[in-house]
């Protein structure tokens, strides 16, 4: 089964930072725009950020634009999400996928918990 694999989550205090990573097979990564998404249990999965396949263009959802940044390394088939000034409301499971997302490629996600 082809899917992305996220890592880098954990428990962090409010105001802290985390950098998430996501890797996937080259055939679903290298020439594709990529996105980060998050989901709180009981809620729908929300889009956060996207980056063009070339890495030259990014889009960050307005609500996190001043705190989150997306980047990618095509040589490593990896996309990153740098999260700063984390808040309790950022607690969620974070996923990456193509942008737009491909239903078959969702991975397990990585849990981010922001708590003191």
N, C-alpha and C. Protein backbone atom coordinates (compact mmCIF):
# COMPACT_ATOMS: atom_id res chain seq x y z
N UNK A 1 0.85 -1.20 0.00
CA UNK A 1 0.00 0.00 0.00
C UNK A 1 0.88 1.25 0.00
N UNK A 2 0.63 2.13 -0.94
CA UNK A 2 1.41 3.35 -1.07
C UNK A 2 0.83 4.41 -0.16
N UNK A 3 1.67 4.98 0.69
CA UNK A 3 1.20 6.04 1.55
C UNK A 3 2.38 6.87 2.07
N UNK A 4 2.06 8.02 2.60
CA UNK A 4 3.06 8.87 3.19
C UNK A 4 3.30 8.49 4.65
N UNK A 5 4.48 8.82 5.14
CA UNK A 5 4.84 8.53 6.52
C UNK A 5 5.29 9.82 7.20
N UNK A 6 4.53 10.20 8.23
CA UNK A 6 4.82 11.43 8.95
C UNK A 6 5.60 11.14 10.23
N UNK A 7 6.40 12.11 10.66
CA UNK A 7 7.16 11.97 11.90
C UNK A 7 7.47 13.34 12.47
N UNK A 8 7.93 13.35 13.71
CA UNK A 8 8.36 14.59 14.32
C UNK A 8 7.41 15.17 15.34
N UNK A 9 6.26 14.55 15.50
CA UNK A 9 5.31 15.05 16.48
C UNK A 9 5.76 14.75 17.89
N UNK A 10 4.98 15.24 18.84
CA UNK A 10 5.29 14.99 20.23
C UNK A 10 4.57 15.95 21.14
N UNK A 11 4.99 15.97 22.39
CA UNK A 11 4.43 16.86 23.39
C UNK A 11 5.32 18.09 23.50
N UNK A 12 4.72 19.24 23.42
CA UNK A 12 5.47 20.49 23.49
C UNK A 12 4.67 21.49 24.31
N UNK A 13 5.38 22.36 24.99
CA UNK A 13 4.71 23.38 25.79
C UNK A 13 4.22 24.52 24.90
N UNK A 14 3.20 25.22 25.34
CA UNK A 14 2.75 26.39 24.59
C UNK A 14 3.90 27.35 24.36
N UNK A 15 3.98 27.88 23.14
CA UNK A 15 5.08 28.75 22.76
C UNK A 15 6.27 28.03 22.17
N UNK A 16 6.26 26.72 22.23
CA UNK A 16 7.36 25.93 21.70
C UNK A 16 7.27 25.71 20.20
N UNK A 17 8.23 24.95 19.70
CA UNK A 17 8.32 24.70 18.26
C UNK A 17 8.48 23.21 17.98
N UNK A 18 8.03 22.81 16.82
CA UNK A 18 8.24 21.46 16.31
C UNK A 18 8.45 21.55 14.81
N UNK A 19 9.23 20.61 14.29
CA UNK A 19 9.37 20.50 12.84
C UNK A 19 8.96 19.09 12.44
N UNK A 20 7.88 19.02 11.70
CA UNK A 20 7.38 17.74 11.22
C UNK A 20 8.01 17.39 9.88
N UNK A 21 8.16 16.09 9.66
CA UNK A 21 8.69 15.60 8.39
C UNK A 21 7.71 14.59 7.81
N UNK A 22 7.75 14.46 6.51
CA UNK A 22 6.89 13.49 5.83
C UNK A 22 7.62 12.99 4.59
N UNK A 23 7.70 11.69 4.46
CA UNK A 23 8.33 11.10 3.29
C UNK A 23 7.35 10.19 2.57
N UNK A 24 7.65 9.96 1.31
CA UNK A 24 6.82 9.08 0.51
C UNK A 24 7.58 8.59 -0.70
N UNK A 25 7.05 7.61 -1.36
CA UNK A 25 7.70 7.09 -2.57
C UNK A 25 7.81 8.18 -3.63
N UNK A 26 8.88 8.13 -4.39
CA UNK A 26 9.12 9.15 -5.40
C UNK A 26 7.97 9.29 -6.39
N UNK A 27 7.33 8.21 -6.72
CA UNK A 27 6.28 8.27 -7.75
C UNK A 27 5.04 9.03 -7.30
N UNK A 28 4.88 9.28 -6.01
CA UNK A 28 3.75 10.09 -5.56
C UNK A 28 4.21 11.38 -4.90
N UNK A 29 5.51 11.65 -4.97
CA UNK A 29 6.03 12.84 -4.30
C UNK A 29 6.67 13.84 -5.27
N UNK A 30 7.63 13.37 -6.04
CA UNK A 30 8.59 14.28 -6.67
C UNK A 30 7.96 15.31 -7.61
N UNK A 31 7.01 14.95 -8.38
CA UNK A 31 6.42 15.87 -9.35
C UNK A 31 5.06 16.38 -8.92
N UNK A 32 4.79 16.27 -7.63
CA UNK A 32 3.47 16.64 -7.13
C UNK A 32 3.55 17.78 -6.12
N UNK A 33 2.56 18.65 -6.17
CA UNK A 33 2.39 19.61 -5.10
C UNK A 33 2.05 18.83 -3.84
N UNK A 34 2.55 19.32 -2.70
CA UNK A 34 2.34 18.62 -1.44
C UNK A 34 1.66 19.53 -0.42
N UNK A 35 0.93 18.90 0.48
CA UNK A 35 0.23 19.68 1.50
C UNK A 35 0.34 19.06 2.87
N UNK A 36 0.12 19.89 3.87
CA UNK A 36 -0.01 19.44 5.26
C UNK A 36 -1.44 19.68 5.70
N UNK A 37 -1.95 18.76 6.49
CA UNK A 37 -3.31 18.79 6.97
C UNK A 37 -3.29 18.38 8.45
N UNK A 38 -4.36 18.70 9.17
CA UNK A 38 -4.45 18.23 10.54
C UNK A 38 -5.89 17.90 10.89
N UNK A 39 -6.01 17.04 11.88
CA UNK A 39 -7.34 16.60 12.28
C UNK A 39 -7.41 16.43 13.78
N UNK A 40 -8.44 17.02 14.34
CA UNK A 40 -8.77 16.82 15.74
C UNK A 40 -9.83 15.72 15.79
N UNK A 41 -9.68 14.75 16.68
CA UNK A 41 -10.69 13.68 16.74
C UNK A 41 -12.10 14.23 16.83
N UNK A 42 -12.98 13.70 16.00
CA UNK A 42 -14.35 14.14 15.96
C UNK A 42 -14.61 15.28 14.99
N UNK A 43 -13.54 15.77 14.36
CA UNK A 43 -13.67 16.86 13.39
C UNK A 43 -13.10 16.43 12.03
N UNK A 44 -13.41 17.21 11.04
CA UNK A 44 -12.89 16.92 9.71
C UNK A 44 -11.41 17.28 9.64
N UNK A 45 -10.75 16.67 8.67
CA UNK A 45 -9.36 16.99 8.44
C UNK A 45 -9.27 18.34 7.73
N UNK A 46 -8.42 19.22 8.24
CA UNK A 46 -8.31 20.58 7.71
C UNK A 46 -6.99 20.77 6.97
N UNK A 47 -7.07 21.54 5.91
CA UNK A 47 -5.87 21.92 5.16
C UNK A 47 -5.10 22.99 5.92
N UNK A 48 -3.75 22.89 5.89
CA UNK A 48 -2.92 23.88 6.56
C UNK A 48 -2.01 24.64 5.59
N UNK A 49 -1.31 23.89 4.73
CA UNK A 49 -0.29 24.52 3.91
C UNK A 49 -0.02 23.66 2.70
N UNK A 50 0.47 24.31 1.64
CA UNK A 50 0.83 23.59 0.42
C UNK A 50 2.09 24.17 -0.17
N UNK A 51 2.78 23.33 -0.93
CA UNK A 51 4.00 23.76 -1.60
C UNK A 51 4.03 23.13 -2.98
N UNK A 52 4.41 23.93 -3.98
CA UNK A 52 4.48 23.44 -5.34
C UNK A 52 5.57 22.37 -5.47
N UNK A 53 5.46 21.55 -6.50
CA UNK A 53 6.43 20.46 -6.65
C UNK A 53 7.85 20.99 -6.78
N UNK A 54 8.00 22.19 -7.33
CA UNK A 54 9.32 22.78 -7.51
C UNK A 54 9.85 23.39 -6.22
N UNK A 55 8.95 23.61 -5.27
CA UNK A 55 9.35 24.26 -4.02
C UNK A 55 9.36 25.77 -4.08
N UNK A 56 9.04 26.34 -5.23
CA UNK A 56 9.17 27.79 -5.41
C UNK A 56 7.95 28.57 -4.93
N UNK A 57 6.83 27.89 -4.77
CA UNK A 57 5.60 28.56 -4.35
C UNK A 57 5.00 27.84 -3.17
N UNK A 58 4.59 28.61 -2.17
CA UNK A 58 3.94 28.04 -0.99
C UNK A 58 2.67 28.81 -0.68
N UNK A 59 1.78 28.14 0.01
CA UNK A 59 0.56 28.77 0.51
C UNK A 59 0.31 28.25 1.90
N UNK A 60 0.12 29.17 2.83
CA UNK A 60 -0.15 28.83 4.22
C UNK A 60 -1.52 29.36 4.58
N UNK A 61 -2.31 28.53 5.21
CA UNK A 61 -3.63 28.96 5.66
C UNK A 61 -3.48 30.17 6.57
N UNK A 62 -4.38 31.13 6.42
CA UNK A 62 -4.23 32.42 7.09
C UNK A 62 -4.13 32.28 8.60
N UNK A 63 -4.88 31.35 9.17
CA UNK A 63 -4.93 31.24 10.63
C UNK A 63 -3.59 30.83 11.25
N UNK A 64 -2.68 30.25 10.46
CA UNK A 64 -1.38 29.83 10.99
C UNK A 64 -0.22 30.45 10.22
N UNK A 65 -0.51 31.37 9.34
CA UNK A 65 0.49 31.89 8.41
C UNK A 65 1.67 32.54 9.11
N UNK A 66 1.41 33.13 10.27
CA UNK A 66 2.50 33.82 10.95
C UNK A 66 3.31 32.90 11.84
N UNK A 67 2.92 31.61 11.90
CA UNK A 67 3.61 30.68 12.80
C UNK A 67 4.12 29.42 12.11
N UNK A 68 3.55 29.04 11.00
CA UNK A 68 3.91 27.79 10.32
C UNK A 68 4.59 28.09 8.99
N UNK A 69 5.48 27.17 8.60
CA UNK A 69 6.13 27.30 7.30
C UNK A 69 6.32 25.90 6.69
N UNK A 70 6.12 25.82 5.39
CA UNK A 70 6.26 24.55 4.69
C UNK A 70 7.47 24.62 3.77
N UNK A 71 8.17 23.50 3.67
CA UNK A 71 9.31 23.42 2.76
C UNK A 71 9.45 21.97 2.30
N UNK A 72 10.30 21.74 1.33
CA UNK A 72 10.48 20.38 0.84
C UNK A 72 11.91 20.17 0.34
N UNK A 73 12.32 18.91 0.34
CA UNK A 73 13.60 18.51 -0.21
C UNK A 73 13.32 17.36 -1.17
N UNK A 74 13.29 17.65 -2.45
CA UNK A 74 12.93 16.64 -3.43
C UNK A 74 13.98 15.53 -3.53
N UNK A 75 15.21 15.83 -3.19
CA UNK A 75 16.25 14.80 -3.22
C UNK A 75 15.99 13.73 -2.16
N UNK A 76 15.27 14.11 -1.11
CA UNK A 76 14.96 13.18 -0.03
C UNK A 76 13.50 12.76 -0.02
N UNK A 77 12.74 13.19 -1.02
CA UNK A 77 11.30 12.90 -1.06
C UNK A 77 10.64 13.26 0.27
N UNK A 78 10.97 14.42 0.78
CA UNK A 78 10.51 14.82 2.11
C UNK A 78 9.93 16.22 2.07
N UNK A 79 8.83 16.39 2.77
CA UNK A 79 8.23 17.70 2.97
C UNK A 79 8.21 17.97 4.47
N UNK A 80 8.39 19.23 4.83
CA UNK A 80 8.49 19.62 6.23
C UNK A 80 7.42 20.64 6.59
N UNK A 81 7.09 20.67 7.87
CA UNK A 81 6.23 21.72 8.41
C UNK A 81 6.89 22.23 9.68
N UNK A 82 7.38 23.46 9.61
CA UNK A 82 7.97 24.11 10.78
C UNK A 82 6.86 24.85 11.50
N UNK A 83 6.70 24.53 12.77
CA UNK A 83 5.63 25.13 13.56
C UNK A 83 6.25 25.84 14.76
N UNK A 84 6.01 27.12 14.86
CA UNK A 84 6.53 27.94 15.95
C UNK A 84 5.38 28.53 16.76
N UNK A 85 5.72 29.00 17.94
CA UNK A 85 4.73 29.65 18.81
C UNK A 85 3.47 28.80 18.94
N UNK A 86 3.67 27.54 19.22
CA UNK A 86 2.54 26.62 19.25
C UNK A 86 1.56 26.95 20.36
N UNK A 87 0.29 26.68 20.06
CA UNK A 87 -0.80 26.95 20.98
C UNK A 87 -1.54 25.65 21.27
N UNK A 88 -2.30 25.65 22.33
CA UNK A 88 -3.05 24.44 22.70
C UNK A 88 -3.99 24.01 21.58
N UNK A 89 -4.53 24.98 20.85
CA UNK A 89 -5.45 24.64 19.76
C UNK A 89 -4.77 24.03 18.56
N UNK A 90 -3.44 23.97 18.57
CA UNK A 90 -2.72 23.27 17.51
C UNK A 90 -2.64 21.77 17.78
N UNK A 91 -3.10 21.34 18.93
CA UNK A 91 -3.11 19.91 19.25
C UNK A 91 -3.99 19.16 18.26
N UNK A 92 -3.39 18.19 17.58
CA UNK A 92 -4.10 17.46 16.53
C UNK A 92 -3.18 16.37 15.99
N UNK A 93 -3.71 15.56 15.11
CA UNK A 93 -2.89 14.64 14.33
C UNK A 93 -2.58 15.33 13.01
N UNK A 94 -1.33 15.35 12.64
CA UNK A 94 -0.89 16.05 11.44
C UNK A 94 -0.53 15.04 10.35
N UNK A 95 -1.00 15.34 9.15
CA UNK A 95 -0.80 14.47 8.00
C UNK A 95 -0.22 15.27 6.84
N UNK A 96 0.48 14.57 5.98
CA UNK A 96 0.83 15.16 4.69
C UNK A 96 0.17 14.31 3.59
N UNK A 97 0.09 14.90 2.43
CA UNK A 97 -0.49 14.23 1.27
C UNK A 97 -0.21 15.11 0.07
N UNK A 98 -0.54 14.62 -1.07
CA UNK A 98 -0.50 15.48 -2.24
C UNK A 98 -1.46 16.64 -2.01
N UNK A 99 -1.31 17.68 -2.84
CA UNK A 99 -2.27 18.78 -2.83
C UNK A 99 -2.78 18.98 -4.24
N UNK A 100 -4.05 18.77 -4.47
CA UNK A 100 -5.08 18.27 -3.56
C UNK A 100 -4.77 16.85 -3.07
N UNK A 101 -5.35 16.51 -1.96
CA UNK A 101 -5.05 15.22 -1.34
C UNK A 101 -5.60 14.07 -2.16
N UNK A 102 -4.83 12.98 -2.14
CA UNK A 102 -5.24 11.74 -2.80
C UNK A 102 -5.76 10.79 -1.72
N UNK A 103 -6.96 10.32 -1.89
CA UNK A 103 -7.63 9.54 -0.84
C UNK A 103 -6.85 8.30 -0.44
N UNK A 104 -6.13 7.72 -1.38
CA UNK A 104 -5.46 6.45 -1.11
C UNK A 104 -4.11 6.61 -0.41
N UNK A 105 -3.63 7.82 -0.26
CA UNK A 105 -2.26 8.00 0.21
C UNK A 105 -2.13 8.49 1.65
N UNK A 106 -3.25 8.62 2.37
CA UNK A 106 -3.16 9.06 3.75
C UNK A 106 -2.37 8.06 4.57
N UNK A 107 -1.45 8.58 5.38
CA UNK A 107 -0.69 7.75 6.30
C UNK A 107 -1.32 7.77 7.67
N UNK A 108 -0.54 7.39 8.67
CA UNK A 108 -1.03 7.34 10.04
C UNK A 108 -1.01 8.68 10.72
N UNK A 109 -0.25 9.61 10.18
CA UNK A 109 -0.15 10.91 10.81
C UNK A 109 0.82 10.91 11.98
N UNK A 110 1.07 12.10 12.50
CA UNK A 110 1.91 12.23 13.68
C UNK A 110 1.20 13.14 14.69
N UNK A 111 1.13 12.70 15.92
CA UNK A 111 0.39 13.42 16.95
C UNK A 111 1.21 14.58 17.48
N UNK A 112 0.58 15.73 17.52
CA UNK A 112 1.17 16.91 18.14
C UNK A 112 0.27 17.30 19.31
N UNK A 113 0.86 17.39 20.48
CA UNK A 113 0.12 17.79 21.67
C UNK A 113 0.81 18.99 22.28
N UNK A 114 0.06 20.07 22.39
CA UNK A 114 0.59 21.30 22.97
C UNK A 114 -0.06 21.48 24.34
N UNK A 115 0.75 21.33 25.36
CA UNK A 115 0.21 21.38 26.72
C UNK A 115 1.32 21.69 27.70
N UNK A 116 0.95 22.37 28.76
CA UNK A 116 1.92 22.64 29.82
C UNK A 116 1.83 21.58 30.91
